[in-house]
């Protein structure tokens, strides 16, 4: 599991804090950054966490 996901679990989910996380450009190229990270991975990991709601825009 990535360190960023571990921090979300420990700091947001375990403490049930009111935090909004936003993602953009899921799995698409973002200028010079290329497509090295895909949000589908984060969504799948966070589905296993408690106290988190995942919303998406169509």
C-alpha atoms as a PDB file:
ATOM      1  CA  UNK A   1       0.000   0.000   0.000  1.00  0.00           C
ATOM      2  CA  UNK A   2       1.310   3.458  -0.802  1.00  0.00           C
ATOM      3  CA  UNK A   3       2.295   5.869   1.936  1.00  0.00           C
ATOM      4  CA  UNK A   4      -0.332   8.418   0.844  1.00  0.00           C
ATOM      5  CA  UNK A   5      -3.141   5.877   1.239  1.00  0.00           C
ATOM      6  CA  UNK A   6      -1.797   4.904   4.659  1.00  0.00           C
ATOM      7  CA  UNK A   7      -1.974   8.547   5.731  1.00  0.00           C
ATOM      8  CA  UNK A   8      -5.579   8.841   4.557  1.00  0.00           C
ATOM      9  CA  UNK A   9      -6.482   5.733   6.544  1.00  0.00           C
ATOM     10  CA  UNK A  10      -4.729   6.858   9.729  1.00  0.00           C
ATOM     11  CA  UNK A  11      -5.473  10.591   9.677  1.00  0.00           C
ATOM     12  CA  UNK A  12      -8.917  10.703   8.057  1.00  0.00           C
ATOM     13  CA  UNK A  13     -10.688   7.351   8.359  1.00  0.00           C
ATOM     14  CA  UNK A  14      -9.595   6.246  11.842  1.00  0.00           C
ATOM     15  CA  UNK A  15     -10.356   9.691  13.270  1.00  0.00           C
ATOM     16  CA  UNK A  16     -13.574  10.068  11.235  1.00  0.00           C
ATOM     17  CA  UNK A  17     -12.601  13.634  10.352  1.00  0.00           C
ATOM     18  CA  UNK A  18     -14.573  15.822   7.962  1.00  0.00           C
ATOM     19  CA  UNK A  19     -12.138  15.982   5.033  1.00  0.00           C
ATOM     20  CA  UNK A  20     -12.830  16.249   1.321  1.00  0.00           C
ATOM     21  CA  UNK A  21     -10.341  14.711  -1.110  1.00  0.00           C
ATOM     22  CA  UNK A  22     -10.494  15.520  -4.808  1.00  0.00           C
ATOM     23  CA  UNK A  23      -8.900  13.741  -7.725  1.00  0.00           C
ATOM     24  CA  UNK A  24      -8.571  14.841 -11.304  1.00  0.00           C
ATOM     25  CA  UNK A  25      -7.367  13.505 -14.629  1.00  0.00           C
ATOM     26  CA  UNK A  26      -7.848   9.904 -13.608  1.00  0.00           C
ATOM     27  CA  UNK A  27      -5.606   7.713 -15.678  1.00  0.00           C
ATOM     28  CA  UNK A  28      -5.164  10.322 -18.352  1.00  0.00           C
ATOM     29  CA  UNK A  29      -2.100  12.209 -19.443  1.00  0.00           C
ATOM     30  CA  UNK A  30      -1.635  15.497 -17.670  1.00  0.00           C
ATOM     31  CA  UNK A  31       0.739  17.584 -19.732  1.00  0.00           C
ATOM     32  CA  UNK A  32       4.374  16.745 -19.142  1.00  0.00           C
ATOM     33  CA  UNK A  33       3.534  14.498 -16.175  1.00  0.00           C
ATOM     34  CA  UNK A  34       2.323  11.606 -18.403  1.00  0.00           C
ATOM     35  CA  UNK A  35       0.116   8.808 -17.105  1.00  0.00           C
ATOM     36  CA  UNK A  36       2.119   7.302 -14.254  1.00  0.00           C
ATOM     37  CA  UNK A  37      -0.703   7.135 -11.714  1.00  0.00           C
ATOM     38  CA  UNK A  38      -4.269   5.923 -12.101  1.00  0.00           C
ATOM     39  CA  UNK A  39      -7.057   6.878  -9.691  1.00  0.00           C
ATOM     40  CA  UNK A  40      -8.699   3.459 -10.047  1.00  0.00           C
ATOM     41  CA  UNK A  41      -5.938   2.098  -7.805  1.00  0.00           C
ATOM     42  CA  UNK A  42      -6.719   4.669  -5.103  1.00  0.00           C
ATOM     43  CA  UNK A  43     -10.452   4.026  -5.339  1.00  0.00           C
ATOM     44  CA  UNK A  44     -10.000   0.289  -4.902  1.00  0.00           C
ATOM     45  CA  UNK A  45      -7.728   0.747  -1.873  1.00  0.00           C
ATOM     46  CA  UNK A  46     -10.041   3.279  -0.223  1.00  0.00           C
ATOM     47  CA  UNK A  47     -13.083   1.045  -0.675  1.00  0.00           C
ATOM     48  CA  UNK A  48     -11.509  -1.137   1.997  1.00  0.00           C
ATOM     49  CA  UNK A  49     -11.238   1.748   4.485  1.00  0.00           C
ATOM     50  CA  UNK A  50     -14.016   2.584   6.909  1.00  0.00           C
ATOM     51  CA  UNK A  51     -15.589   6.022   7.410  1.00  0.00           C
ATOM     52  CA  UNK A  52     -15.047   7.136   3.827  1.00  0.00           C
ATOM     53  CA  UNK A  53     -17.546   7.887   1.078  1.00  0.00           C
ATOM     54  CA  UNK A  54     -16.471   7.794  -2.564  1.00  0.00           C
ATOM     55  CA  UNK A  55     -18.383   9.995  -4.989  1.00  0.00           C
ATOM     56  CA  UNK A  56     -17.811  10.453  -8.674  1.00  0.00           C
ATOM     57  CA  UNK A  57     -19.010  12.882 -11.281  1.00  0.00           C
ATOM     58  CA  UNK A  58     -20.436  11.501 -14.497  1.00  0.00           C
END
